[in-house]
């Protein structure tokens, strides 16, 4: 299903690994860590324009909140008429209630593609999409303070031993990554809370603001989430924090200039 994304994602990862591998050793953990981080930055940079459009759409929806409440109060008992009036309002104002979902929808297949690319670095594999056998060996030899990037905390000890690592190193690296990524998730969702278009959506965001970090901790501890994917979570949420701050200022300046 995600084959169309697997090769482009692995190609970007391959490119950045070549860049950082030329500076240090291709088998070094730092070269692979930076390749994953810059893969995230590259993809998120390509999504800045849709993210800006989504923020503008969110502001338009937020401006329509009083009118939306009026329609719900007037036609609350007639669901069909209420839906028709809301649809008419969106058509007249050029707003799209789903406009803010586009960046998240685009990121989902990218994330799943990265997950499977990292999972496909396995002993005995002769290739992994654009990576040849040497690239596979390089990834398998790389580690971050003794933790292999393609392995996960809950993996059986025998499997970790086959990769040349153990639970002590996986926990020592994985837990701090999970905690920092969870904190970044919490902060990025909290920073977006004030821009919610309605009390209902703000309530959902407030709930997710706590559930999402907990879900990340649980997933990283008990499910097959490789260290490389935890790095992805960390890099993308740090990027989101900075991007929200920057794009909010851009939209604020646009609205102030009207």
Protein backbone atom coordinates (compact mmCIF):
# COMPACT_ATOMS: atom_id res chain seq x y z
CA UNK A 1 0.00 0.00 0.00
CA UNK A 2 2.82 2.41 0.91
CA UNK A 3 5.27 1.14 -1.74
CA UNK A 4 4.95 4.44 -3.61
CA UNK A 5 6.38 6.21 -0.52
CA UNK A 6 8.98 3.62 0.51
CA UNK A 7 11.46 4.35 -2.27
CA UNK A 8 11.35 8.18 -2.03
CA UNK A 9 11.67 8.06 1.77
CA UNK A 10 14.53 5.56 1.64
CA UNK A 11 16.18 7.64 -1.12
CA UNK A 12 16.18 10.76 1.05
CA UNK A 13 17.56 8.73 3.96
CA UNK A 14 20.23 7.29 1.65
CA UNK A 15 21.21 10.78 0.43
CA UNK A 16 21.66 12.24 3.92
CA UNK A 17 23.53 9.14 5.07
CA UNK A 18 25.95 9.61 2.18
CA UNK A 19 26.44 13.28 3.17
CA UNK A 20 27.08 12.63 6.85
CA UNK A 21 28.89 9.35 6.21
CA UNK A 22 31.42 11.27 4.10
CA UNK A 23 32.13 13.56 7.07
CA UNK A 24 32.40 10.79 9.67
CA UNK A 25 32.32 7.03 9.21
CA UNK A 26 29.42 5.59 7.16
CA UNK A 27 28.95 2.96 9.88
CA UNK A 28 28.88 5.48 12.73
CA UNK A 29 25.70 5.95 14.72
CA UNK A 30 25.97 9.74 14.44
CA UNK A 31 25.87 9.55 10.61
CA UNK A 32 22.66 7.50 10.72
CA UNK A 33 21.11 9.63 13.49
CA UNK A 34 21.74 12.81 11.50
CA UNK A 35 20.45 11.12 8.34
CA UNK A 36 17.14 10.31 10.09
CA UNK A 37 16.89 13.80 11.60
CA UNK A 38 17.58 15.52 8.27
CA UNK A 39 15.16 13.17 6.53
CA UNK A 40 12.51 14.55 8.90
CA UNK A 41 13.63 18.13 8.30
CA UNK A 42 13.58 17.62 4.52
CA UNK A 43 10.07 16.18 4.53
CA UNK A 44 8.74 18.80 6.95
CA UNK A 45 10.30 21.59 4.88
CA UNK A 46 8.37 20.29 1.87
CA UNK A 47 5.20 20.46 3.99
CA UNK A 48 5.64 24.05 5.20
CA UNK A 49 3.36 25.46 2.50
CA UNK A 50 0.48 23.04 3.28
CA UNK A 51 1.01 23.72 7.00
CA UNK A 52 0.75 27.47 6.39
CA UNK A 53 -2.44 26.92 4.36
CA UNK A 54 -3.82 24.77 7.18
CA UNK A 55 -3.08 27.50 9.74
CA UNK A 56 -4.82 30.10 7.56
CA UNK A 57 -7.79 27.74 7.19
CA UNK A 58 -7.90 27.30 10.96
CA UNK A 59 -7.97 31.07 11.47
CA UNK A 60 -10.87 31.37 9.01
CA UNK A 61 -12.79 28.66 10.86
CA UNK A 62 -12.03 30.39 14.15
CA UNK A 63 -13.42 33.66 12.79
CA UNK A 64 -16.61 31.84 11.81
CA UNK A 65 -17.18 30.43 15.29
CA UNK A 66 -19.81 33.05 16.34
CA UNK A 67 -21.78 32.49 13.13
CA UNK A 68 -21.53 28.71 13.57
CA UNK A 69 -22.95 29.00 17.07
CA UNK A 70 -25.82 31.13 15.75
CA UNK A 71 -26.66 28.50 13.11
CA UNK A 72 -26.57 25.69 15.68
CA UNK A 73 -28.82 27.63 18.04
CA UNK A 74 -31.29 28.46 15.26
CA UNK A 75 -31.41 25.09 13.49
CA UNK A 76 -30.27 22.74 16.25
CA UNK A 77 -33.46 20.67 16.03
CA UNK A 78 -33.28 20.38 12.25
CA UNK A 79 -30.01 18.55 11.56
CA UNK A 80 -30.46 18.56 7.79
CA UNK A 81 -31.14 22.30 7.62
CA UNK A 82 -28.26 23.01 10.03
CA UNK A 83 -25.83 21.01 7.88
CA UNK A 84 -27.06 22.84 4.78
CA UNK A 85 -26.58 26.26 6.38
CA UNK A 86 -23.09 25.36 7.64
CA UNK A 87 -22.15 24.12 4.17
CA UNK A 88 -23.50 27.36 2.69
CA UNK A 89 -21.46 29.41 5.18
CA UNK A 90 -18.27 27.59 4.22
CA UNK A 91 -19.02 28.10 0.51
CA UNK A 92 -19.64 31.82 0.98
CA UNK A 93 -16.46 32.39 3.01
CA UNK A 94 -14.21 29.97 1.09
CA UNK A 95 -13.37 28.10 4.27
CA UNK A 96 -12.72 24.36 4.54
CA UNK A 97 -13.33 22.55 7.85
CA UNK A 98 -10.89 19.83 6.78
CA UNK A 99 -8.16 22.22 5.65
CA UNK A 100 -6.18 21.77 8.85
CA UNK A 101 -5.97 18.00 8.39
CA UNK A 102 -3.87 17.97 5.21
CA UNK A 103 -0.35 18.08 6.75
CA UNK A 104 -1.24 15.30 9.20
CA UNK A 105 -2.70 13.15 6.40
CA UNK A 106 0.45 13.61 4.31
CA UNK A 107 2.76 12.80 7.23
CA UNK A 108 1.02 9.52 8.07
CA UNK A 109 2.18 7.52 5.01
CA UNK A 110 5.63 9.10 5.36
CA UNK A 111 5.87 7.96 8.97
CA UNK A 112 4.67 4.44 8.13
CA UNK A 113 7.14 4.29 5.22
CA UNK A 114 10.04 5.28 7.48
CA UNK A 115 8.89 2.65 9.99
CA UNK A 116 8.99 -0.11 7.40
CA UNK A 117 12.26 1.07 5.88
CA UNK A 118 13.88 0.85 9.33
CA UNK A 119 12.23 -2.51 10.04
CA UNK A 120 13.57 -3.91 6.74
CA UNK A 121 17.21 -3.47 7.82
CA UNK A 122 17.55 -7.11 8.89
CA UNK A 123 20.50 -9.54 9.13
CA UNK A 124 20.81 -11.43 5.87
CA UNK A 125 18.94 -8.83 3.80
CA UNK A 126 20.72 -8.22 0.49
CA UNK A 127 19.00 -4.86 -0.02
CA UNK A 128 16.44 -2.48 1.45
CA UNK A 129 14.73 -0.44 -1.24
CA UNK A 130 17.43 1.98 -2.51
CA UNK A 131 20.01 0.63 -0.04
CA UNK A 132 22.31 -2.12 -1.29
CA UNK A 133 23.85 -4.86 0.85
CA UNK A 134 26.63 -2.53 2.03
CA UNK A 135 24.03 0.01 3.14
CA UNK A 136 22.15 -2.65 5.08
CA UNK A 137 25.36 -3.79 6.81
CA UNK A 138 26.24 -0.19 7.61
CA UNK A 139 22.92 0.39 9.35
CA UNK A 140 23.15 -2.88 11.27
CA UNK A 141 26.66 -1.97 12.46
CA UNK A 142 25.64 1.51 13.61
CA UNK A 143 24.60 2.22 17.17
CA UNK A 144 23.76 5.14 19.45
CA UNK A 145 25.60 4.64 22.74
CA UNK A 146 25.33 0.87 22.26
CA UNK A 147 21.65 0.83 21.19
CA UNK A 148 21.00 -0.35 17.64
CA UNK A 149 18.81 2.05 15.66
CA UNK A 150 16.64 -0.63 14.06
CA UNK A 151 15.80 -2.44 17.30
CA UNK A 152 13.27 -1.71 20.04
CA UNK A 153 13.12 -1.92 23.82
CA UNK A 154 10.61 -4.77 24.09
CA UNK A 155 12.46 -7.00 21.62
CA UNK A 156 13.48 -10.43 23.02
CA UNK A 157 17.00 -10.58 24.42
CA UNK A 158 18.05 -13.28 21.93
CA UNK A 159 17.08 -11.09 18.99
CA UNK A 160 18.88 -8.08 20.46
CA UNK A 161 22.00 -10.23 20.97
CA UNK A 162 21.90 -11.17 17.28
CA UNK A 163 22.17 -7.45 16.47
CA UNK A 164 24.96 -6.91 19.00
CA UNK A 165 23.05 -5.06 21.71
CA UNK A 166 21.02 -5.76 24.85
CA UNK A 167 18.16 -4.42 26.96
CA UNK A 168 20.43 -2.29 29.15
CA UNK A 169 21.67 -0.22 26.22
CA UNK A 170 18.25 -0.12 24.55
CA UNK A 171 16.58 1.19 27.70
CA UNK A 172 19.38 3.66 28.45
CA UNK A 173 18.93 5.26 25.02
CA UNK A 174 15.26 4.57 24.30
CA UNK A 175 13.71 5.86 27.53
CA UNK A 176 15.29 9.36 27.36
CA UNK A 177 14.28 9.60 23.69
CA UNK A 178 10.69 8.65 24.58
CA UNK A 179 10.55 11.15 27.45
CA UNK A 180 11.93 14.04 25.38
CA UNK A 181 9.71 13.18 22.39
CA UNK A 182 6.66 12.96 24.68
CA UNK A 183 7.48 16.34 26.22
CA UNK A 184 7.89 17.88 22.76
CA UNK A 185 4.51 16.40 21.75
CA UNK A 186 2.85 17.88 24.84
CA UNK A 187 4.37 21.31 24.28
CA UNK A 188 3.51 21.42 20.57
CA UNK A 189 -0.11 20.45 21.24
CA UNK A 190 -0.38 22.94 24.10
CA UNK A 191 0.95 25.74 21.92
CA UNK A 192 -1.76 25.00 19.36
CA UNK A 193 -4.55 24.86 21.93
CA UNK A 194 -5.12 28.62 21.95
CA UNK A 195 -5.79 28.58 18.21
CA UNK A 196 -8.66 26.09 18.32
CA UNK A 197 -11.73 27.19 16.44
CA UNK A 198 -14.33 26.05 18.97
CA UNK A 199 -14.65 24.91 22.58
CA UNK A 200 -15.47 21.42 21.32
CA UNK A 201 -12.26 21.06 19.30
CA UNK A 202 -10.27 22.69 22.11
CA UNK A 203 -11.63 20.08 24.49
CA UNK A 204 -10.50 17.26 22.19
CA UNK A 205 -7.05 18.83 21.82
CA UNK A 206 -6.75 19.26 25.59
CA UNK A 207 -7.53 15.56 26.05
CA UNK A 208 -5.08 14.51 23.32
CA UNK A 209 -2.46 16.82 24.80
CA UNK A 210 -2.17 14.33 27.66
CA UNK A 211 -3.10 11.09 25.90
CA UNK A 212 -0.65 11.44 22.99
CA UNK A 213 2.52 11.67 25.16
CA UNK A 214 1.31 8.76 27.31
CA UNK A 215 0.58 6.77 24.15
CA UNK A 216 4.08 7.46 22.89
CA UNK A 217 5.62 6.21 26.15
CA UNK A 218 3.49 3.06 26.11
CA UNK A 219 4.20 2.38 22.42
CA UNK A 220 7.94 2.87 22.81
CA UNK A 221 8.09 0.62 25.87
CA UNK A 222 5.84 -2.26 24.82
CA UNK A 223 5.50 -2.24 21.03
CA UNK A 224 8.02 -2.73 18.19
CA UNK A 225 9.00 0.93 17.80
CA UNK A 226 12.67 1.09 16.68
CA UNK A 227 15.08 3.62 18.17
CA UNK A 228 15.24 5.22 14.71
CA UNK A 229 11.47 5.83 14.80
CA UNK A 230 11.80 7.40 18.28
CA UNK A 231 14.36 9.74 16.73
CA UNK A 232 11.79 10.53 14.04
CA UNK A 233 9.20 11.36 16.73
CA UNK A 234 11.68 13.59 18.53
CA UNK A 235 12.85 15.43 15.41
CA UNK A 236 9.37 16.00 13.99
CA UNK A 237 7.94 17.30 17.27
CA UNK A 238 10.88 19.66 17.84
CA UNK A 239 10.37 20.89 14.27
CA UNK A 240 6.64 21.32 14.94
CA UNK A 241 7.34 23.51 17.99
CA UNK A 242 9.55 25.85 15.98
CA UNK A 243 7.28 25.79 12.94
CA UNK A 244 4.18 26.72 14.94
CA UNK A 245 5.97 29.70 16.43
CA UNK A 246 7.26 30.89 13.04
CA UNK A 247 4.09 30.32 11.00
CA UNK A 248 1.88 31.88 13.66
CA UNK A 249 3.91 35.09 13.39
CA UNK A 250 3.56 34.98 9.58
CA UNK A 251 -0.24 34.68 9.76
CA UNK A 252 -0.42 37.32 12.52
CA UNK A 253 1.46 39.76 10.26
CA UNK A 254 -0.85 38.93 7.36
CA UNK A 255 -3.95 39.63 9.45
CA UNK A 256 -2.47 42.82 10.91
CA UNK A 257 -1.78 44.10 7.38
CA UNK A 258 -5.40 43.72 6.26
